[in-house]
Every structure is written in structure tokens, then in C-alpha cells.
Amino acid sequence: MLRLGAIVLNTSDTSRGAAFWSAALGWEAGANPDFLAPVDGGEATHLHLDRSDRTHLDLWVDSAAEQEAEVERLVGLGATRPAWDYPDGADFVVLADPDGTLFCVVDQSA
């Protein structure tokens, strides 16, 4: 099942951003201090602060097979696969919506 897993928010200072957003939302940082989540640890959408990445949505799935199926479904709905330089072992696929807005489909089992 495809779900909104994280909003990646571009920020010039992740420490300052984390302090602001954790106070604003009542969320806390996990093992990665740039990744904020609800205190109750529920399945809610997370906020990931990043200095180098553009603001985008991360859509999460539970397996590589589900990722492949969702990517194909989204392409069928009008998404495209932009040229992308993936790191070795990437757990995500970058897509663009019909307006060109980038988003990722992330395999959470990786």
C-alpha cells in the first residue's frame, strides 16, 4: 500500500530547522537528528530536513516488489521517470508528476 512517508524539506540549517519544526509540531528526532517523527512513533508522515535536496514527497512501500508495482502504476497515471544518477544500493525511485514535480517511491524494507 503506497503511503506518504515523509516530506523532505530543504533548509539551509538542519539544526535550526529541527529545533523549530520539533517545537512547532511536538515531534522528536530519531537516530538521525534531521528526521523528525511524532512522539508516539505512529505511522504518521515524517519530516526530513535536508540542506542539499529539494523539497519533495517520499512515498513509502513495504517491499521491492511493491515498489516496482507502484512505480508502474504511477507511470500509468502520467508520472515519468526523469534521468537520475542513483547511488549504489538506492532504495528509492525518482519520478516526476505530470507538472514535472519530483517525488520518490521508497522501499522501506531495504
PDB file of N, CA and C in Angstrom:
ATOM      1  N   MET A   1       0.835  -1.168   0.000  1.00  0.00           N
ATOM      2  CA  MET A   1       0.000   0.000   0.000  1.00  0.00           C
ATOM      3  C   MET A   1       0.889   1.242   0.000  1.00  0.00           C
ATOM      4  N   LEU A   2       0.738   2.082  -0.979  1.00  0.00           N
ATOM      5  CA  LEU A   2       1.510   3.314  -1.081  1.00  0.00           C
ATOM      6  C   LEU A   2       0.997   4.309  -0.046  1.00  0.00           C
ATOM      7  N   ARG A   3       1.945   4.948   0.682  1.00  0.00           N
ATOM      8  CA  ARG A   3       1.548   5.925   1.702  1.00  0.00           C
ATOM      9  C   ARG A   3       2.558   7.062   1.729  1.00  0.00           C
ATOM     10  N   LEU A   4       2.105   8.230   2.133  1.00  0.00           N
ATOM     11  CA  LEU A   4       3.001   9.368   2.258  1.00  0.00           C
ATOM     12  C   LEU A   4       3.859   9.127   3.482  1.00  0.00           C
ATOM     13  N   GLY A   5       5.140   8.889   3.268  1.00  0.00           N
ATOM     14  CA  GLY A   5       6.037   8.561   4.364  1.00  0.00           C
ATOM     15  C   GLY A   5       6.752   9.759   4.926  1.00  0.00           C
ATOM     16  N   ALA A   6       7.234  10.640   4.045  1.00  0.00           N
ATOM     17  CA  ALA A   6       7.995  11.785   4.525  1.00  0.00           C
ATOM     18  C   ALA A   6       7.875  12.948   3.566  1.00  0.00           C
ATOM     19  N   ILE A   7       7.924  14.102   4.127  1.00  0.00           N
ATOM     20  CA  ILE A   7       8.088  15.332   3.368  1.00  0.00           C
ATOM     21  C   ILE A   7       9.535  15.749   3.588  1.00  0.00           C
ATOM     22  N   VAL A   8      10.289  15.855   2.507  1.00  0.00           N
ATOM     23  CA  VAL A   8      11.683  16.272   2.596  1.00  0.00           C
ATOM     24  C   VAL A   8      11.692  17.782   2.401  1.00  0.00           C
ATOM     25  N   LEU A   9      12.150  18.485   3.413  1.00  0.00           N
ATOM     26  CA  LEU A   9      12.104  19.939   3.414  1.00  0.00           C
ATOM     27  C   LEU A   9      13.512  20.499   3.287  1.00  0.00           C
ATOM     28  N   ASN A  10      13.769  21.217   2.221  1.00  0.00           N
ATOM     29  CA  ASN A  10      15.069  21.837   2.025  1.00  0.00           C
ATOM     30  C   ASN A  10      15.232  22.968   3.033  1.00  0.00           C
ATOM     31  N   THR A  11      16.368  23.001   3.699  1.00  0.00           N
ATOM     32  CA  THR A  11      16.650  24.030   4.687  1.00  0.00           C
ATOM     33  C   THR A  11      18.135  24.343   4.682  1.00  0.00           C
ATOM     34  N   SER A  12      18.499  25.587   4.965  1.00  0.00           N
ATOM     35  CA  SER A  12      19.908  25.963   4.969  1.00  0.00           C
ATOM     36  C   SER A  12      20.621  25.531   6.242  1.00  0.00           C
ATOM     37  N   ASP A  13      19.871  25.260   7.308  1.00  0.00           N
ATOM     38  CA  ASP A  13      20.447  24.888   8.594  1.00  0.00           C
ATOM     39  C   ASP A  13      19.555  23.835   9.234  1.00  0.00           C
ATOM     40  N   THR A  14      19.960  22.567   9.145  1.00  0.00           N
ATOM     41  CA  THR A  14      19.094  21.498   9.634  1.00  0.00           C
ATOM     42  C   THR A  14      18.920  21.539  11.152  1.00  0.00           C
ATOM     43  N   SER A  15      19.928  21.971  11.889  1.00  0.00           N
ATOM     44  CA  SER A  15      19.788  22.066  13.352  1.00  0.00           C
ATOM     45  C   SER A  15      18.731  23.104  13.725  1.00  0.00           C
ATOM     46  N   ARG A  16      18.793  24.272  13.105  1.00  0.00           N
ATOM     47  CA  ARG A  16      17.802  25.311  13.359  1.00  0.00           C
ATOM     48  C   ARG A  16      16.417  24.847  12.910  1.00  0.00           C
ATOM     49  N   GLY A  17      16.358  24.208  11.746  1.00  0.00           N
ATOM     50  CA  GLY A  17      15.082  23.695  11.250  1.00  0.00           C
ATOM     51  C   GLY A  17      14.502  22.638  12.166  1.00  0.00           C
ATOM     52  N   ALA A  18      15.356  21.744  12.660  1.00  0.00           N
ATOM     53  CA  ALA A  18      14.889  20.697  13.566  1.00  0.00           C
ATOM     54  C   ALA A  18      14.354  21.294  14.861  1.00  0.00           C
ATOM     55  N   ALA A  19      15.048  22.290  15.392  1.00  0.00           N
ATOM     56  CA  ALA A  19      14.579  22.939  16.622  1.00  0.00           C
ATOM     57  C   ALA A  19      13.219  23.576  16.407  1.00  0.00           C
ATOM     58  N   PHE A  20      13.056  24.280  15.277  1.00  0.00           N
ATOM     59  CA  PHE A  20      11.785  24.935  15.003  1.00  0.00           C
ATOM     60  C   PHE A  20      10.669  23.924  14.783  1.00  0.00           C
ATOM     61  N   TRP A  21      10.870  22.972  13.851  1.00  0.00           N
ATOM     62  CA  TRP A  21       9.792  22.049  13.499  1.00  0.00           C
ATOM     63  C   TRP A  21       9.453  21.064  14.617  1.00  0.00           C
ATOM     64  N   SER A  22      10.435  20.653  15.411  1.00  0.00           N
ATOM     65  CA  SER A  22      10.109  19.758  16.525  1.00  0.00           C
ATOM     66  C   SER A  22       9.270  20.496  17.556  1.00  0.00           C
ATOM     67  N   ALA A  23       9.569  21.766  17.797  1.00  0.00           N
ATOM     68  CA  ALA A  23       8.760  22.557  18.737  1.00  0.00           C
ATOM     69  C   ALA A  23       7.395  22.864  18.143  1.00  0.00           C
ATOM     70  N   ALA A  24       7.358  23.206  16.864  1.00  0.00           N
ATOM     71  CA  ALA A  24       6.091  23.561  16.227  1.00  0.00           C
ATOM     72  C   ALA A  24       5.129  22.385  16.170  1.00  0.00           C
ATOM     73  N   LEU A  25       5.660  21.181  15.892  1.00  0.00           N
ATOM     74  CA  LEU A  25       4.807  20.006  15.719  1.00  0.00           C
ATOM     75  C   LEU A  25       4.729  19.119  16.952  1.00  0.00           C
ATOM     76  N   GLY A  26       5.601  19.359  17.935  1.00  0.00           N
ATOM     77  CA  GLY A  26       5.657  18.473  19.089  1.00  0.00           C
ATOM     78  C   GLY A  26       6.259  17.129  18.741  1.00  0.00           C
ATOM     79  N   TRP A  27       7.121  17.108  17.738  1.00  0.00           N
ATOM     80  CA  TRP A  27       7.759  15.879  17.288  1.00  0.00           C
ATOM     81  C   TRP A  27       9.177  15.819  17.835  1.00  0.00           C
ATOM     82  N   GLU A  28       9.816  14.655  17.674  1.00  0.00           N
ATOM     83  CA  GLU A  28      11.190  14.493  18.160  1.00  0.00           C
ATOM     84  C   GLU A  28      12.046  13.842  17.084  1.00  0.00           C
ATOM     85  N   ALA A  29      13.344  14.069  17.207  1.00  0.00           N
ATOM     86  CA  ALA A  29      14.295  13.457  16.289  1.00  0.00           C
ATOM     87  C   ALA A  29      14.539  12.013  16.698  1.00  0.00           C
ATOM     88  N   GLY A  30      14.780  11.194  15.699  1.00  0.00           N
ATOM     89  CA  GLY A  30      15.130   9.804  15.959  1.00  0.00           C
ATOM     90  C   GLY A  30      16.635   9.650  15.969  1.00  0.00           C
ATOM     91  N   ALA A  31      17.129   8.489  15.516  1.00  0.00           N
ATOM     92  CA  ALA A  31      18.568   8.248  15.445  1.00  0.00           C
ATOM     93  C   ALA A  31      19.234   9.262  14.515  1.00  0.00           C
ATOM     94  N   ASN A  32      18.522   9.661  13.484  1.00  0.00           N
ATOM     95  CA  ASN A  32      19.008  10.710  12.584  1.00  0.00           C
ATOM     96  C   ASN A  32      18.380  12.023  13.046  1.00  0.00           C
ATOM     97  N   PRO A  33      19.166  12.977  13.535  1.00  0.00           N
ATOM     98  CA  PRO A  33      18.601  14.207  14.088  1.00  0.00           C
ATOM     99  C   PRO A  33      17.887  15.079  13.060  1.00  0.00           C
ATOM    100  N   ASP A  34      18.055  14.783  11.774  1.00  0.00           N
ATOM    101  CA  ASP A  34      17.380  15.547  10.730  1.00  0.00           C
ATOM    102  C   ASP A  34      16.063  14.901  10.305  1.00  0.00           C
ATOM    103  N   PHE A  35      15.654  13.855  11.005  1.00  0.00           N
ATOM    104  CA  PHE A  35      14.441  13.118  10.644  1.00  0.00           C
ATOM    105  C   PHE A  35      13.488  13.183  11.835  1.00  0.00           C
ATOM    106  N   LEU A  36      12.434  13.972  11.714  1.00  0.00           N
ATOM    107  CA  LEU A  36      11.502  14.184  12.822  1.00  0.00           C
ATOM    108  C   LEU A  36      10.276  13.311  12.666  1.00  0.00           C
ATOM    109  N   ALA A  37       9.777  12.802  13.791  1.00  0.00           N
ATOM    110  CA  ALA A  37       8.607  11.931  13.783  1.00  0.00           C
ATOM    111  C   ALA A  37       7.731  12.237  14.990  1.00  0.00           C
ATOM    112  N   PRO A  38       6.455  11.869  14.910  1.00  0.00           N
ATOM    113  CA  PRO A  38       5.583  12.058  16.069  1.00  0.00           C
ATOM    114  C   PRO A  38       6.130  11.319  17.281  1.00  0.00           C
ATOM    115  N   VAL A  39       5.942  11.887  18.454  1.00  0.00           N
ATOM    116  CA  VAL A  39       6.452  11.304  19.697  1.00  0.00           C
ATOM    117  C   VAL A  39       5.900   9.898  19.919  1.00  0.00           C
ATOM    118  N   ASP A  40       4.645   9.661  19.531  1.00  0.00           N
ATOM    119  CA  ASP A  40       4.036   8.347  19.766  1.00  0.00           C
ATOM    120  C   ASP A  40       4.567   7.269  18.827  1.00  0.00           C
ATOM    121  N   GLY A  41       5.415   7.663  17.859  1.00  0.00           N
ATOM    122  CA  GLY A  41       6.021   6.686  16.962  1.00  0.00           C
ATOM    123  C   GLY A  41       5.053   6.053  15.999  1.00  0.00           C
ATOM    124  N   GLY A  42       3.903   6.651  15.812  1.00  0.00           N
ATOM    125  CA  GLY A  42       2.882   6.090  14.930  1.00  0.00           C
ATOM    126  C   GLY A  42       3.282   6.114  13.465  1.00  0.00           C
ATOM    127  N   GLU A  43       2.352   5.755  12.635  1.00  0.00           N
ATOM    128  CA  GLU A  43       2.571   5.666  11.199  1.00  0.00           C
ATOM    129  C   GLU A  43       2.393   7.002  10.489  1.00  0.00           C
ATOM    130  N   ALA A  44       2.368   8.098  11.213  1.00  0.00           N
ATOM    131  CA  ALA A  44       2.157   9.404  10.597  1.00  0.00           C
ATOM    132  C   ALA A  44       3.320   9.770   9.687  1.00  0.00           C
ATOM    133  N   THR A  45       3.068  10.692   8.808  1.00  0.00           N
ATOM    134  CA  THR A  45       4.094  11.215   7.920  1.00  0.00           C
ATOM    135  C   THR A  45       5.227  11.833   8.740  1.00  0.00           C
ATOM    136  N   HIS A  46       6.440  11.646   8.287  1.00  0.00           N
ATOM    137  CA  HIS A  46       7.627  12.195   8.939  1.00  0.00           C
ATOM    138  C   HIS A  46       8.086  13.453   8.203  1.00  0.00           C
ATOM    139  N   LEU A  47       8.922  14.229   8.842  1.00  0.00           N
ATOM    140  CA  LEU A  47       9.529  15.407   8.234  1.00  0.00           C
ATOM    141  C   LEU A  47      11.029  15.206   8.231  1.00  0.00           C
ATOM    142  N   HIS A  48      11.624  15.220   7.036  1.00  0.00           N
ATOM    143  CA  HIS A  48      13.063  15.022   6.886  1.00  0.00           C
ATOM    144  C   HIS A  48      13.667  16.346   6.428  1.00  0.00           C
ATOM    145  N   LEU A  49      14.601  16.882   7.204  1.00  0.00           N
ATOM    146  CA  LEU A  49      15.255  18.146   6.882  1.00  0.00           C
ATOM    147  C   LEU A  49      16.558  17.875   6.149  1.00  0.00           C
ATOM    148  N   ASP A  50      16.792  18.592   5.055  1.00  0.00           N
ATOM    149  CA  ASP A  50      17.952  18.309   4.219  1.00  0.00           C
ATOM    150  C   ASP A  50      18.504  19.607   3.637  1.00  0.00           C
ATOM    151  N   ARG A  51      19.824  19.791   3.709  1.00  0.00           N
ATOM    152  CA  ARG A  51      20.456  21.002   3.178  1.00  0.00           C
ATOM    153  C   ARG A  51      20.681  20.950   1.670  1.00  0.00           C
ATOM    154  N   SER A  52      20.779  19.749   1.098  1.00  0.00           N
ATOM    155  CA  SER A  52      21.155  19.656  -0.313  1.00  0.00           C
ATOM    156  C   SER A  52      20.032  19.193  -1.227  1.00  0.00           C
ATOM    157  N   ASP A  53      18.991  18.624  -0.687  1.00  0.00           N
ATOM    158  CA  ASP A  53      17.923  18.069  -1.510  1.00  0.00           C
ATOM    159  C   ASP A  53      16.781  19.063  -1.634  1.00  0.00           C
ATOM    160  N   ARG A  54      16.101  19.025  -2.749  1.00  0.00           N
ATOM    161  CA  ARG A  54      14.962  19.918  -2.929  1.00  0.00           C
ATOM    162  C   ARG A  54      13.754  19.391  -2.168  1.00  0.00           C
ATOM    163  N   THR A  55      12.819  20.255  -1.887  1.00  0.00           N
ATOM    164  CA  THR A  55      11.602  19.856  -1.197  1.00  0.00           C
ATOM    165  C   THR A  55      10.818  18.900  -2.097  1.00  0.00           C
ATOM    166  N   HIS A  56      10.418  17.757  -1.534  1.00  0.00           N
ATOM    167  CA  HIS A  56       9.665  16.765  -2.298  1.00  0.00           C
ATOM    168  C   HIS A  56       8.968  15.790  -1.355  1.00  0.00           C
ATOM    169  N   LEU A  57       8.096  14.973  -1.908  1.00  0.00           N
ATOM    170  CA  LEU A  57       7.415  13.932  -1.140  1.00  0.00           C
ATOM    171  C   LEU A  57       8.157  12.619  -1.284  1.00  0.00           C
ATOM    172  N   ASP A  58       8.224  11.850  -0.192  1.00  0.00           N
ATOM    173  CA  ASP A  58       8.670  10.460  -0.225  1.00  0.00           C
ATOM    174  C   ASP A  58       7.442   9.599   0.015  1.00  0.00           C
ATOM    175  N   LEU A  59       7.146   8.727  -0.938  1.00  0.00           N
ATOM    176  CA  LEU A  59       6.036   7.789  -0.799  1.00  0.00           C
ATOM    177  C   LEU A  59       6.639   6.437  -0.452  1.00  0.00           C
ATOM    178  N   TRP A  60       6.159   5.844   0.646  1.00  0.00           N
ATOM    179  CA  TRP A  60       6.766   4.619   1.162  1.00  0.00           C
ATOM    180  C   TRP A  60       5.960   3.391   0.775  1.00  0.00           C
ATOM    181  N   VAL A  61       6.685   2.301   0.523  1.00  0.00           N
ATOM    182  CA  VAL A  61       6.110   0.979   0.308  1.00  0.00           C
ATOM    183  C   VAL A  61       6.909  -0.007   1.156  1.00  0.00           C
ATOM    184  N   ASP A  62       6.393  -1.233   1.291  1.00  0.00           N
ATOM    185  CA  ASP A  62       6.988  -2.205   2.205  1.00  0.00           C
ATOM    186  C   ASP A  62       7.915  -3.234   1.573  1.00  0.00           C
ATOM    187  N   SER A  63       8.048  -3.235   0.247  1.00  0.00           N
ATOM    188  CA  SER A  63       8.907  -4.232  -0.387  1.00  0.00           C
ATOM    189  C   SER A  63       9.345  -3.760  -1.761  1.00  0.00           C
ATOM    190  N   ALA A  64      10.378  -4.416  -2.293  1.00  0.00           N
ATOM    191  CA  ALA A  64      10.860  -4.086  -3.635  1.00  0.00           C
ATOM    192  C   ALA A  64       9.796  -4.405  -4.681  1.00  0.00           C
ATOM    193  N   ALA A  65       9.086  -5.503  -4.492  1.00  0.00           N
ATOM    194  CA  ALA A  65       8.034  -5.875  -5.445  1.00  0.00           C
ATOM    195  C   ALA A  65       6.912  -4.837  -5.442  1.00  0.00           C
ATOM    196  N   GLU A  66       6.548  -4.372  -4.264  1.00  0.00           N
ATOM    197  CA  GLU A  66       5.515  -3.348  -4.163  1.00  0.00           C
ATOM    198  C   GLU A  66       6.003  -2.033  -4.782  1.00  0.00           C
ATOM    199  N   GLN A  67       7.269  -1.723  -4.580  1.00  0.00           N
ATOM    200  CA  GLN A  67       7.842  -0.511  -5.171  1.00  0.00           C
ATOM    201  C   GLN A  67       7.737  -0.568  -6.696  1.00  0.00           C
ATOM    202  N   GLU A  68       8.133  -1.693  -7.263  1.00  0.00           N
ATOM    203  CA  GLU A  68       8.072  -1.857  -8.716  1.00  0.00           C
ATOM    204  C   GLU A  68       6.638  -1.714  -9.229  1.00  0.00           C
ATOM    205  N   ALA A  69       5.688  -2.345  -8.535  1.00  0.00           N
ATOM    206  CA  ALA A  69       4.286  -2.268  -8.946  1.00  0.00           C
ATOM    207  C   ALA A  69       3.752  -0.842  -8.844  1.00  0.00           C
ATOM    208  N   GLU A  70       4.092  -0.144  -7.770  1.00  0.00           N
ATOM    209  CA  GLU A  70       3.607   1.231  -7.593  1.00  0.00           C
ATOM    210  C   GLU A  70       4.228   2.178  -8.612  1.00  0.00           C
ATOM    211  N   VAL A  71       5.511   2.001  -8.898  1.00  0.00           N
ATOM    212  CA  VAL A  71       6.157   2.834  -9.910  1.00  0.00           C
ATOM    213  C   VAL A  71       5.446   2.660 -11.246  1.00  0.00           C
ATOM    214  N   GLU A  72       5.176   1.432 -11.627  1.00  0.00           N
ATOM    215  CA  GLU A  72       4.484   1.177 -12.893  1.00  0.00           C
ATOM    216  C   GLU A  72       3.068   1.757 -12.875  1.00  0.00           C
ATOM    217  N   ARG A  73       2.377   1.634 -11.755  1.00  0.00           N
ATOM    218  CA  ARG A  73       1.026   2.199 -11.633  1.00  0.00           C
ATOM    219  C   ARG A  73       1.073   3.712 -11.781  1.00  0.00           C
ATOM    220  N   LEU A  74       2.031   4.350 -11.109  1.00  0.00           N
ATOM    221  CA  LEU A  74       2.142   5.807 -11.160  1.00  0.00           C
ATOM    222  C   LEU A  74       2.530   6.290 -12.560  1.00  0.00           C
ATOM    223  N   VAL A  75       3.403   5.553 -13.231  1.00  0.00           N
ATOM    224  CA  VAL A  75       3.740   5.885 -14.616  1.00  0.00           C
ATOM    225  C   VAL A  75       2.491   5.773 -15.488  1.00  0.00           C
ATOM    226  N   GLY A  76       1.686   4.762 -15.225  1.00  0.00           N
ATOM    227  CA  GLY A  76       0.435   4.605 -15.954  1.00  0.00           C
ATOM    228  C   GLY A  76      -0.543   5.760 -15.724  1.00  0.00           C
ATOM    229  N   LEU A  77      -0.408   6.409 -14.579  1.00  0.00           N
ATOM    230  CA  LEU A  77      -1.267   7.553 -14.259  1.00  0.00           C
ATOM    231  C   LEU A  77      -0.725   8.867 -14.829  1.00  0.00           C
ATOM    232  N   GLY A  78       0.479   8.829 -15.402  1.00  0.00           N
ATOM    233  CA  GLY A  78       1.046  10.034 -16.002  1.00  0.00           C
ATOM    234  C   GLY A  78       2.381  10.477 -15.447  1.00  0.00           C
ATOM    235  N   ALA A  79       2.912   9.788 -14.441  1.00  0.00           N
ATOM    236  CA  ALA A  79       4.246  10.117 -13.929  1.00  0.00           C
ATOM    237  C   ALA A  79       5.295   9.724 -14.969  1.00  0.00           C
ATOM    238  N   THR A  80       6.447  10.350 -14.887  1.00  0.00           N
ATOM    239  CA  THR A  80       7.556   9.998 -15.766  1.00  0.00           C
ATOM    240  C   THR A  80       8.780   9.677 -14.914  1.00  0.00           C
ATOM    241  N   ARG A  81       9.749   9.000 -15.552  1.00  0.00           N
ATOM    242  CA  ARG A  81      11.000   8.645 -14.870  1.00  0.00           C
ATOM    243  C   ARG A  81      12.107   9.551 -15.395  1.00  0.00           C
ATOM    244  N   PRO A  82      12.421  10.637 -14.679  1.00  0.00           N
ATOM    245  CA  PRO A  82      13.479  11.527 -15.150  1.00  0.00           C
ATOM    246  C   PRO A  82      14.846  10.842 -15.067  1.00  0.00           C
ATOM    247  N   ALA A  83      15.767  11.308 -15.881  1.00  0.00           N
ATOM    248  CA  ALA A  83      17.140  10.809 -15.776  1.00  0.00           C
ATOM    249  C   ALA A  83      17.642  11.142 -14.369  1.00  0.00           C
ATOM    250  N   TRP A  84      18.248  10.164 -13.702  1.00  0.00           N
ATOM    251  CA  TRP A  84      18.693  10.376 -12.326  1.00  0.00           C
ATOM    252  C   TRP A  84      19.950   9.576 -12.084  1.00  0.00           C
ATOM    253  N   ASP A  85      20.886  10.142 -11.366  1.00  0.00           N
ATOM    254  CA  ASP A  85      22.129   9.465 -11.006  1.00  0.00           C
ATOM    255  C   ASP A  85      21.926   8.839  -9.622  1.00  0.00           C
ATOM    256  N   TYR A  86      21.588   7.547  -9.594  1.00  0.00           N
ATOM    257  CA  TYR A  86      21.306   6.854  -8.340  1.00  0.00           C
ATOM    258  C   TYR A  86      22.592   6.372  -7.670  1.00  0.00           C
ATOM    259  N   PRO A  87      22.661   6.467  -6.336  1.00  0.00           N
ATOM    260  CA  PRO A  87      23.802   5.873  -5.640  1.00  0.00           C
ATOM    261  C   PRO A  87      23.678   4.345  -5.641  1.00  0.00           C
ATOM    262  N   ASP A  88      24.771   3.664  -5.407  1.00  0.00           N
ATOM    263  CA  ASP A  88      24.725   2.199  -5.308  1.00  0.00           C
ATOM    264  C   ASP A  88      23.760   1.800  -4.204  1.00  0.00           C
ATOM    265  N   GLY A  89      22.951   0.790  -4.463  1.00  0.00           N
ATOM    266  CA  GLY A  89      22.034   0.272  -3.457  1.00  0.00           C
ATOM    267  C   GLY A  89      20.872   1.191  -3.130  1.00  0.00           C
ATOM    268  N   ALA A  90      20.534   2.100  -4.022  1.00  0.00           N
ATOM    269  CA  ALA A  90      19.445   3.049  -3.755  1.00  0.00           C
ATOM    270  C   ALA A  90      18.152   2.309  -3.430  1.00  0.00           C
ATOM    271  N   ASP A  91      17.453   2.788  -2.404  1.00  0.00           N
ATOM    272  CA  ASP A  91      16.178   2.195  -2.003  1.00  0.00           C
ATOM    273  C   ASP A  91      15.003   3.012  -2.521  1.00  0.00           C
ATOM    274  N   PHE A  92      15.254   3.945  -3.434  1.00  0.00           N
ATOM    275  CA  PHE A  92      14.216   4.836  -3.916  1.00  0.00           C
ATOM    276  C   PHE A  92      14.234   4.918  -5.443  1.00  0.00           C
ATOM    277  N   VAL A  93      13.085   5.264  -5.997  1.00  0.00           N
ATOM    278  CA  VAL A  93      12.949   5.541  -7.416  1.00  0.00           C
ATOM    279  C   VAL A  93      12.406   6.954  -7.534  1.00  0.00           C
ATOM    280  N   VAL A  94      13.052   7.773  -8.347  1.00  0.00           N
ATOM    281  CA  VAL A  94      12.615   9.151  -8.548  1.00  0.00           C
ATOM    282  C   VAL A  94      11.643   9.192  -9.725  1.00  0.00           C
ATOM    283  N   LEU A  95      10.515   9.829  -9.489  1.00  0.00           N
ATOM    284  CA  LEU A  95       9.515  10.046 -10.531  1.00  0.00           C
ATOM    285  C   LEU A  95       9.176  11.527 -10.576  1.00  0.00           C
ATOM    286  N   ALA A  96       8.511  11.936 -11.648  1.00  0.00           N
ATOM    287  CA  ALA A  96       8.005  13.297 -11.760  1.00  0.00           C
ATOM    288  C   ALA A  96       6.515  13.222 -12.068  1.00  0.00           C
ATOM    289  N   ASP A  97       5.739  14.078 -11.414  1.00  0.00           N
ATOM    290  CA  ASP A  97       4.308  14.112 -11.703  1.00  0.00           C
ATOM    291  C   ASP A  97       4.090  14.798 -13.057  1.00  0.00           C
ATOM    292  N   PRO A  98       2.864  14.852 -13.554  1.00  0.00           N
ATOM    293  CA  PRO A  98       2.631  15.445 -14.881  1.00  0.00           C
ATOM    294  C   PRO A  98       3.100  16.895 -15.023  1.00  0.00           C
ATOM    295  N   ASP A  99       3.262  17.635 -13.924  1.00  0.00           N
ATOM    296  CA  ASP A  99       3.777  19.002 -13.988  1.00  0.00           C
ATOM    297  C   ASP A  99       5.288  19.065 -13.839  1.00  0.00           C
ATOM    298  N   GLY A 100       5.941  17.920 -13.653  1.00  0.00           N
ATOM    299  CA  GLY A 100       7.390  17.887 -13.508  1.00  0.00           C
ATOM    300  C   GLY A 100       7.890  17.927 -12.079  1.00  0.00           C
ATOM    301  N   THR A 101       6.973  17.935 -11.100  1.00  0.00           N
ATOM    302  CA  THR A 101       7.375  17.946  -9.692  1.00  0.00           C
ATOM    303  C   THR A 101       7.912  16.573  -9.312  1.00  0.00           C
ATOM    304  N   LEU A 102       9.128  16.556  -8.781  1.00  0.00           N
ATOM    305  CA  LEU A 102       9.769  15.287  -8.427  1.00  0.00           C
ATOM    306  C   LEU A 102       9.224  14.733  -7.121  1.00  0.00           C
ATOM    307  N   PHE A 103       9.200  13.403  -7.019  1.00  0.00           N
ATOM    308  CA  PHE A 103       8.877  12.697  -5.786  1.00  0.00           C
ATOM    309  C   PHE A 103       9.559  11.350  -5.840  1.00  0.00           C
ATOM    310  N   CYS A 104       9.657  10.682  -4.696  1.00  0.00           N
ATOM    311  CA  CYS A 104      10.338   9.397  -4.620  1.00  0.00           C
ATOM    312  C   CYS A 104       9.392   8.308  -4.128  1.00  0.00           C
ATOM    313  N   VAL A 105       9.595   7.106  -4.628  1.00  0.00           N
ATOM    314  CA  VAL A 105       8.932   5.914  -4.106  1.00  0.00           C
ATOM    315  C   VAL A 105      10.037   5.117  -3.408  1.00  0.00           C
ATOM    316  N   VAL A 106       9.916   4.990  -2.082  1.00  0.00           N
ATOM    317  CA  VAL A 106      10.978   4.439  -1.253  1.00  0.00           C
ATOM    318  C   VAL A 106      10.585   3.060  -0.730  1.00  0.00           C
ATOM    319  N   ASP A 107      11.459   2.090  -0.911  1.00  0.00           N
ATOM    320  CA  ASP A 107      11.268   0.737  -0.378  1.00  0.00           C
ATOM    321  C   ASP A 107      11.754   0.718   1.065  1.00  0.00           C
ATOM    322  N   GLN A 108      10.856   0.661   2.022  1.00  0.00           N
ATOM    323  CA  GLN A 108      11.206   0.687   3.438  1.00  0.00           C
ATOM    324  C   GLN A 108      11.831  -0.606   3.933  1.00  0.00           C
ATOM    325  N   SER A 109      11.782  -1.671   3.134  1.00  0.00           N
ATOM    326  CA  SER A 109      12.404  -2.923   3.571  1.00  0.00           C
ATOM    327  C   SER A 109      13.890  -2.958   3.270  1.00  0.00           C
ATOM    328  N   ALA A 110      14.369  -2.024   2.484  1.00  0.00           N
ATOM    329  CA  ALA A 110      15.789  -2.014   2.076  1.00  0.00           C
ATOM    330  C   ALA A 110      16.679  -1.571   3.218  1.00  0.00           C
TER     331      ALA A 110
END
